[in-house]
């Protein structure tokens, strides 16, 4: 349901385009590792993956399960809460490994949180935490790096600016681009695997950023 909602809503807010180095859906039992820049980018990523025929299980902050309506959607879809910053954070790996073994695609954000800035610029991903590397090691699953660009034009800044951004997005129609890189198997210790994953997601983000900028802003002629 979450992917269907995103697939309907996101194209109404912006001009979404998708590219991939591997044709077709993401292979079952894969980990998709995405950069995280905005409250809006999970919707952008889910809409892009659905366009490719993939509806993943999402690993997301456990607080979202307390949000009315959204919490029910997350529970019904079998998505995985992550209790970040607590001793319970590692417990999210077990259901993620089980989902991968069952042939599901798991979406994870390597940075583990949003950047602490308010402008709408897109910048390369920040430092990755070790959860992605540990999930890849525990499951043996391939990692598909995903870079997204443009979501901060939908939502960034203060709460008021974010609400205004969503409200005006159907008129502004910002360019959004998602790029999937080639799958890779992470090797080495956790630190080496984490660094390799960050490099791959950064490369995918750079491709997305170039293609998003190429499409550029859309101008609107006043009516009436």
C-alpha atoms as a PDB file:
ATOM      1  CA  UNK A   1       0.000   0.000   0.000  1.00  0.00           C
ATOM      2  CA  UNK A   2       2.818   2.423   0.865  1.00  0.00           C
ATOM      3  CA  UNK A   3       4.366   2.033  -2.595  1.00  0.00           C
ATOM      4  CA  UNK A   4       0.995   2.500  -4.283  1.00  0.00           C
ATOM      5  CA  UNK A   5       0.366   5.710  -2.343  1.00  0.00           C
ATOM      6  CA  UNK A   6       3.806   7.041  -3.261  1.00  0.00           C
ATOM      7  CA  UNK A   7       3.348   6.025  -6.890  1.00  0.00           C
ATOM      8  CA  UNK A   8       0.181   8.109  -7.068  1.00  0.00           C
ATOM      9  CA  UNK A   9       1.202  11.109  -4.966  1.00  0.00           C
ATOM     10  CA  UNK A  10       4.774  11.849  -6.059  1.00  0.00           C
ATOM     11  CA  UNK A  11       4.066  12.371  -9.804  1.00  0.00           C
ATOM     12  CA  UNK A  12       1.423  14.915  -8.773  1.00  0.00           C
ATOM     13  CA  UNK A  13       4.038  16.880  -6.813  1.00  0.00           C
ATOM     14  CA  UNK A  14       7.009  16.843  -9.177  1.00  0.00           C
ATOM     15  CA  UNK A  15       8.484  15.602 -12.442  1.00  0.00           C
ATOM     16  CA  UNK A  16       9.886  12.211 -11.522  1.00  0.00           C
ATOM     17  CA  UNK A  17      12.343  10.427 -13.804  1.00  0.00           C
ATOM     18  CA  UNK A  18      14.155   7.159 -13.137  1.00  0.00           C
ATOM     19  CA  UNK A  19      17.276   5.519 -14.549  1.00  0.00           C
ATOM     20  CA  UNK A  20      18.954   2.222 -13.747  1.00  0.00           C
ATOM     21  CA  UNK A  21      22.137   0.453 -14.759  1.00  0.00           C
ATOM     22  CA  UNK A  22      20.281  -2.867 -14.581  1.00  0.00           C
ATOM     23  CA  UNK A  23      17.020  -3.202 -16.557  1.00  0.00           C
ATOM     24  CA  UNK A  24      13.837  -4.398 -14.946  1.00  0.00           C
ATOM     25  CA  UNK A  25      12.863  -4.792 -11.290  1.00  0.00           C
ATOM     26  CA  UNK A  26      15.420  -5.064  -8.503  1.00  0.00           C
ATOM     27  CA  UNK A  27      16.315  -8.730  -8.033  1.00  0.00           C
ATOM     28  CA  UNK A  28      14.428 -10.464  -5.198  1.00  0.00           C
ATOM     29  CA  UNK A  29      16.448 -10.733  -1.996  1.00  0.00           C
ATOM     30  CA  UNK A  30      18.406  -7.521  -2.631  1.00  0.00           C
ATOM     31  CA  UNK A  31      19.165  -4.587  -0.350  1.00  0.00           C
ATOM     32  CA  UNK A  32      18.530  -1.138  -1.830  1.00  0.00           C
ATOM     33  CA  UNK A  33      20.715   1.481  -0.117  1.00  0.00           C
ATOM     34  CA  UNK A  34      19.561   5.068  -0.671  1.00  0.00           C
ATOM     35  CA  UNK A  35      20.776   8.516   0.313  1.00  0.00           C
ATOM     36  CA  UNK A  36      18.547  10.393   2.749  1.00  0.00           C
ATOM     37  CA  UNK A  37      18.133  14.151   2.343  1.00  0.00           C
ATOM     38  CA  UNK A  38      14.498  15.055   3.061  1.00  0.00           C
ATOM     39  CA  UNK A  39      11.299  13.910   4.703  1.00  0.00           C
ATOM     40  CA  UNK A  40       9.970  13.647   1.150  1.00  0.00           C
ATOM     41  CA  UNK A  41      12.610  11.340  -0.316  1.00  0.00           C
ATOM     42  CA  UNK A  42      11.157   8.015   0.942  1.00  0.00           C
ATOM     43  CA  UNK A  43       8.084   8.748  -1.160  1.00  0.00           C
ATOM     44  CA  UNK A  44      10.240   9.673  -4.152  1.00  0.00           C
ATOM     45  CA  UNK A  45      12.292   6.493  -3.797  1.00  0.00           C
ATOM     46  CA  UNK A  46       9.236   4.261  -3.382  1.00  0.00           C
ATOM     47  CA  UNK A  47       7.538   5.825  -6.412  1.00  0.00           C
ATOM     48  CA  UNK A  48      10.679   5.289  -8.501  1.00  0.00           C
ATOM     49  CA  UNK A  49      11.095   1.674  -7.406  1.00  0.00           C
ATOM     50  CA  UNK A  50       7.433   0.951  -8.101  1.00  0.00           C
ATOM     51  CA  UNK A  51       7.917   2.318 -11.597  1.00  0.00           C
ATOM     52  CA  UNK A  52      10.626  -0.342 -12.003  1.00  0.00           C
ATOM     53  CA  UNK A  53       8.317  -3.057 -10.665  1.00  0.00           C
ATOM     54  CA  UNK A  54       9.703  -3.242  -7.126  1.00  0.00           C
ATOM     55  CA  UNK A  55       7.821  -2.697  -3.856  1.00  0.00           C
ATOM     56  CA  UNK A  56      10.325  -2.972  -1.002  1.00  0.00           C
ATOM     57  CA  UNK A  57      10.142  -3.482   2.722  1.00  0.00           C
ATOM     58  CA  UNK A  58      11.339  -0.227   4.297  1.00  0.00           C
ATOM     59  CA  UNK A  59      13.564   0.080   7.354  1.00  0.00           C
ATOM     60  CA  UNK A  60      12.509   3.371   8.966  1.00  0.00           C
ATOM     61  CA  UNK A  61      12.588   5.271  12.251  1.00  0.00           C
ATOM     62  CA  UNK A  62      10.355   3.550  14.807  1.00  0.00           C
ATOM     63  CA  UNK A  63       8.654   6.845  15.683  1.00  0.00           C
ATOM     64  CA  UNK A  64       6.781   6.719  12.385  1.00  0.00           C
ATOM     65  CA  UNK A  65       4.794   3.737  13.675  1.00  0.00           C
ATOM     66  CA  UNK A  66       3.184   6.093  16.214  1.00  0.00           C
ATOM     67  CA  UNK A  67       1.842   8.446  13.514  1.00  0.00           C
ATOM     68  CA  UNK A  68      -1.926   7.978  13.004  1.00  0.00           C
ATOM     69  CA  UNK A  69      -2.839   6.213   9.752  1.00  0.00           C
ATOM     70  CA  UNK A  70       0.820   6.002   8.631  1.00  0.00           C
ATOM     71  CA  UNK A  71       1.606   3.621  11.484  1.00  0.00           C
ATOM     72  CA  UNK A  72      -1.164   1.287  10.379  1.00  0.00           C
ATOM     73  CA  UNK A  73       0.053   1.357   6.784  1.00  0.00           C
ATOM     74  CA  UNK A  74       3.583   0.529   7.916  1.00  0.00           C
ATOM     75  CA  UNK A  75       2.421  -2.348  10.093  1.00  0.00           C
ATOM     76  CA  UNK A  76       0.153  -3.821   7.419  1.00  0.00           C
ATOM     77  CA  UNK A  77       2.958  -3.684   4.858  1.00  0.00           C
ATOM     78  CA  UNK A  78       5.436  -5.563   7.036  1.00  0.00           C
ATOM     79  CA  UNK A  79       7.875  -2.663   7.146  1.00  0.00           C
ATOM     80  CA  UNK A  80      10.616  -2.701   9.780  1.00  0.00           C
ATOM     81  CA  UNK A  81      10.885  -0.173  12.644  1.00  0.00           C
ATOM     82  CA  UNK A  82      14.387   0.864  13.686  1.00  0.00           C
ATOM     83  CA  UNK A  83      14.807   2.210  17.226  1.00  0.00           C
ATOM     84  CA  UNK A  84      17.699   4.483  16.344  1.00  0.00           C
ATOM     85  CA  UNK A  85      20.087   5.547  19.049  1.00  0.00           C
ATOM     86  CA  UNK A  86      18.966   2.808  21.455  1.00  0.00           C
ATOM     87  CA  UNK A  87      20.116  -0.667  22.405  1.00  0.00           C
ATOM     88  CA  UNK A  88      17.154  -1.995  20.391  1.00  0.00           C
ATOM     89  CA  UNK A  89      18.468  -0.669  17.061  1.00  0.00           C
ATOM     90  CA  UNK A  90      20.327  -3.882  16.200  1.00  0.00           C
ATOM     91  CA  UNK A  91      17.122  -5.899  16.658  1.00  0.00           C
ATOM     92  CA  UNK A  92      15.884  -4.566  13.304  1.00  0.00           C
ATOM     93  CA  UNK A  93      18.479  -6.701  11.507  1.00  0.00           C
ATOM     94  CA  UNK A  94      16.701  -9.984  12.251  1.00  0.00           C
ATOM     95  CA  UNK A  95      13.385  -9.166  10.500  1.00  0.00           C
ATOM     96  CA  UNK A  96      15.357  -7.571   7.645  1.00  0.00           C
ATOM     97  CA  UNK A  97      17.381 -10.763   7.153  1.00  0.00           C
ATOM     98  CA  UNK A  98      14.152 -12.792   7.247  1.00  0.00           C
ATOM     99  CA  UNK A  99      12.539 -10.526   4.637  1.00  0.00           C
ATOM    100  CA  UNK A 100      15.555 -10.919   2.335  1.00  0.00           C
ATOM    101  CA  UNK A 101      15.521 -14.697   2.777  1.00  0.00           C
ATOM    102  CA  UNK A 102      11.835 -14.656   1.781  1.00  0.00           C
ATOM    103  CA  UNK A 103      12.712 -12.894  -1.471  1.00  0.00           C
ATOM    104  CA  UNK A 104      11.670  -9.383  -0.477  1.00  0.00           C
ATOM    105  CA  UNK A 105      13.686  -6.290  -1.382  1.00  0.00           C
ATOM    106  CA  UNK A 106      14.729  -4.256   1.674  1.00  0.00           C
ATOM    107  CA  UNK A 107      15.217  -0.484   1.493  1.00  0.00           C
ATOM    108  CA  UNK A 108      17.675   1.001   3.993  1.00  0.00           C
ATOM    109  CA  UNK A 109      19.170   4.454   4.491  1.00  0.00           C
ATOM    110  CA  UNK A 110      22.885   4.139   5.128  1.00  0.00           C
ATOM    111  CA  UNK A 111      23.178   7.563   6.748  1.00  0.00           C
ATOM    112  CA  UNK A 112      20.621   6.588   9.361  1.00  0.00           C
ATOM    113  CA  UNK A 113      19.050  10.043   9.553  1.00  0.00           C
ATOM    114  CA  UNK A 114      18.497  13.407   7.898  1.00  0.00           C
ATOM    115  CA  UNK A 115      21.151  16.113   7.438  1.00  0.00           C
ATOM    116  CA  UNK A 116      21.022  19.004   9.885  1.00  0.00           C
ATOM    117  CA  UNK A 117      20.551  21.888   7.463  1.00  0.00           C
ATOM    118  CA  UNK A 118      17.652  23.966   6.202  1.00  0.00           C
ATOM    119  CA  UNK A 119      18.470  25.016   2.637  1.00  0.00           C
ATOM    120  CA  UNK A 120      17.045  23.200  -0.372  1.00  0.00           C
ATOM    121  CA  UNK A 121      20.375  22.324  -2.014  1.00  0.00           C
ATOM    122  CA  UNK A 122      21.263  18.730  -2.777  1.00  0.00           C
ATOM    123  CA  UNK A 123      24.683  17.629  -1.552  1.00  0.00           C
ATOM    124  CA  UNK A 124      26.423  14.265  -1.586  1.00  0.00           C
ATOM    125  CA  UNK A 125      25.524  11.707   1.105  1.00  0.00           C
ATOM    126  CA  UNK A 126      26.971  12.093   4.573  1.00  0.00           C
ATOM    127  CA  UNK A 127      28.783   9.487   6.652  1.00  0.00           C
ATOM    128  CA  UNK A 128      27.207   6.028   6.696  1.00  0.00           C
ATOM    129  CA  UNK A 129      26.462   4.066   9.828  1.00  0.00           C
ATOM    130  CA  UNK A 130      27.337   0.384  10.049  1.00  0.00           C
ATOM    131  CA  UNK A 131      23.818  -1.083   9.843  1.00  0.00           C
ATOM    132  CA  UNK A 132      23.903  -1.546   6.075  1.00  0.00           C
ATOM    133  CA  UNK A 133      27.224  -3.396   6.136  1.00  0.00           C
ATOM    134  CA  UNK A 134      26.077  -5.595   9.008  1.00  0.00           C
ATOM    135  CA  UNK A 135      22.822  -6.439   7.217  1.00  0.00           C
ATOM    136  CA  UNK A 136      24.720  -7.331   4.037  1.00  0.00           C
ATOM    137  CA  UNK A 137      27.123  -9.535   5.992  1.00  0.00           C
ATOM    138  CA  UNK A 138      24.347 -11.287   7.919  1.00  0.00           C
ATOM    139  CA  UNK A 139      22.235 -11.953   4.834  1.00  0.00           C
ATOM    140  CA  UNK A 140      24.796 -12.314   2.043  1.00  0.00           C
ATOM    141  CA  UNK A 141      22.451 -10.162  -0.055  1.00  0.00           C
ATOM    142  CA  UNK A 142      23.676  -7.932  -2.890  1.00  0.00           C
ATOM    143  CA  UNK A 143      23.427  -4.179  -2.377  1.00  0.00           C
ATOM    144  CA  UNK A 144      21.887  -1.937  -5.034  1.00  0.00           C
ATOM    145  CA  UNK A 145      23.076   1.670  -4.565  1.00  0.00           C
ATOM    146  CA  UNK A 146      20.387   4.289  -5.149  1.00  0.00           C
ATOM    147  CA  UNK A 147      20.872   8.016  -5.517  1.00  0.00           C
ATOM    148  CA  UNK A 148      17.967  10.455  -5.423  1.00  0.00           C
ATOM    149  CA  UNK A 149      18.026  14.164  -6.142  1.00  0.00           C
ATOM    150  CA  UNK A 150      15.361  16.859  -5.960  1.00  0.00           C
ATOM    151  CA  UNK A 151      13.403  15.761  -2.900  1.00  0.00           C
ATOM    152  CA  UNK A 152      14.679  18.747  -0.914  1.00  0.00           C
ATOM    153  CA  UNK A 153      12.859  20.972  -3.401  1.00  0.00           C
ATOM    154  CA  UNK A 154       9.670  19.319  -2.198  1.00  0.00           C
ATOM    155  CA  UNK A 155      10.424  19.520   1.515  1.00  0.00           C
ATOM    156  CA  UNK A 156      13.236  21.203   3.451  1.00  0.00           C
ATOM    157  CA  UNK A 157      13.770  23.837   6.104  1.00  0.00           C
ATOM    158  CA  UNK A 158      11.508  24.724   9.005  1.00  0.00           C
ATOM    159  CA  UNK A 159       8.158  23.061   9.579  1.00  0.00           C
ATOM    160  CA  UNK A 160       6.403  26.028   8.002  1.00  0.00           C
ATOM    161  CA  UNK A 161       8.667  25.904   4.938  1.00  0.00           C
ATOM    162  CA  UNK A 162       8.138  22.181   4.553  1.00  0.00           C
ATOM    163  CA  UNK A 163       4.365  22.557   4.645  1.00  0.00           C
ATOM    164  CA  UNK A 164       4.583  25.434   2.164  1.00  0.00           C
ATOM    165  CA  UNK A 165       6.827  23.349  -0.068  1.00  0.00           C
ATOM    166  CA  UNK A 166       4.341  20.502  -0.243  1.00  0.00           C
ATOM    167  CA  UNK A 167       1.449  22.911  -0.805  1.00  0.00           C
ATOM    168  CA  UNK A 168       3.129  24.678  -3.738  1.00  0.00           C
ATOM    169  CA  UNK A 169       4.819  21.641  -5.307  1.00  0.00           C
ATOM    170  CA  UNK A 170       1.942  20.860  -7.723  1.00  0.00           C
ATOM    171  CA  UNK A 171       2.406  24.332  -9.201  1.00  0.00           C
ATOM    172  CA  UNK A 172       6.211  24.378  -9.121  1.00  0.00           C
ATOM    173  CA  UNK A 173       6.620  20.784 -10.385  1.00  0.00           C
ATOM    174  CA  UNK A 174      10.276  20.424  -9.324  1.00  0.00           C
ATOM    175  CA  UNK A 175      12.474  17.941 -11.162  1.00  0.00           C
ATOM    176  CA  UNK A 176      13.107  14.703  -9.263  1.00  0.00           C
ATOM    177  CA  UNK A 177      15.487  11.985 -10.396  1.00  0.00           C
ATOM    178  CA  UNK A 178      16.326   8.557  -8.986  1.00  0.00           C
ATOM    179  CA  UNK A 179      19.255   6.495 -10.294  1.00  0.00           C
ATOM    180  CA  UNK A 180      20.019   2.871  -9.420  1.00  0.00           C
ATOM    181  CA  UNK A 181      23.592   1.680  -9.776  1.00  0.00           C
ATOM    182  CA  UNK A 182      24.823  -1.823 -10.489  1.00  0.00           C
ATOM    183  CA  UNK A 183      24.452  -4.350  -7.640  1.00  0.00           C
ATOM    184  CA  UNK A 184      27.561  -5.109  -5.595  1.00  0.00           C
ATOM    185  CA  UNK A 185      28.533  -7.510  -2.839  1.00  0.00           C
ATOM    186  CA  UNK A 186      30.162  -5.792   0.114  1.00  0.00           C
ATOM    187  CA  UNK A 187      33.443  -7.349   1.185  1.00  0.00           C
ATOM    188  CA  UNK A 188      35.986  -6.802   3.937  1.00  0.00           C
ATOM    189  CA  UNK A 189      35.327  -5.836   7.532  1.00  0.00           C
ATOM    190  CA  UNK A 190      32.429  -3.629   8.590  1.00  0.00           C
ATOM    191  CA  UNK A 191      34.421  -0.405   8.184  1.00  0.00           C
ATOM    192  CA  UNK A 192      35.600  -1.329   4.669  1.00  0.00           C
ATOM    193  CA  UNK A 193      32.133  -2.485   3.617  1.00  0.00           C
ATOM    194  CA  UNK A 194      30.546   0.694   4.984  1.00  0.00           C
ATOM    195  CA  UNK A 195      33.022   2.856   3.063  1.00  0.00           C
ATOM    196  CA  UNK A 196      32.420   0.877  -0.150  1.00  0.00           C
ATOM    197  CA  UNK A 197      28.656   1.260   0.217  1.00  0.00           C
ATOM    198  CA  UNK A 198      28.968   5.001   0.766  1.00  0.00           C
ATOM    199  CA  UNK A 199      31.135   5.372  -2.352  1.00  0.00           C
ATOM    200  CA  UNK A 200      28.603   3.434  -4.444  1.00  0.00           C
ATOM    201  CA  UNK A 201      25.596   5.417  -3.198  1.00  0.00           C
ATOM    202  CA  UNK A 202      27.521   8.670  -3.697  1.00  0.00           C
ATOM    203  CA  UNK A 203      28.286   7.686  -7.296  1.00  0.00           C
ATOM    204  CA  UNK A 204      24.588   6.927  -7.878  1.00  0.00           C
ATOM    205  CA  UNK A 205      23.660  10.263  -6.305  1.00  0.00           C
ATOM    206  CA  UNK A 206      26.067  12.119  -8.594  1.00  0.00           C
ATOM    207  CA  UNK A 207      24.385  10.553 -11.628  1.00  0.00           C
ATOM    208  CA  UNK A 208      20.957  11.500 -10.261  1.00  0.00           C
ATOM    209  CA  UNK A 209      22.141  15.047  -9.522  1.00  0.00           C
ATOM    210  CA  UNK A 210      23.495  15.532 -13.041  1.00  0.00           C
ATOM    211  CA  UNK A 211      20.281  14.286 -14.647  1.00  0.00           C
ATOM    212  CA  UNK A 212      18.087  16.275 -12.286  1.00  0.00           C
ATOM    213  CA  UNK A 213      19.983  19.502 -12.999  1.00  0.00           C
ATOM    214  CA  UNK A 214      19.842  18.812 -16.734  1.00  0.00           C
ATOM    215  CA  UNK A 215      16.051  18.817 -16.585  1.00  0.00           C
ATOM    216  CA  UNK A 216      16.136  22.072 -14.648  1.00  0.00           C
ATOM    217  CA  UNK A 217      13.349  24.109 -13.076  1.00  0.00           C
ATOM    218  CA  UNK A 218      10.036  24.618 -14.797  1.00  0.00           C
ATOM    219  CA  UNK A 219       8.791  28.149 -15.216  1.00  0.00           C
ATOM    220  CA  UNK A 220       5.104  29.043 -15.093  1.00  0.00           C
ATOM    221  CA  UNK A 221       3.246  31.738 -16.940  1.00  0.00           C
ATOM    222  CA  UNK A 222       0.708  33.590 -14.846  1.00  0.00           C
ATOM    223  CA  UNK A 223      -2.882  33.134 -15.918  1.00  0.00           C
ATOM    224  CA  UNK A 224      -5.906  35.389 -15.593  1.00  0.00           C
END
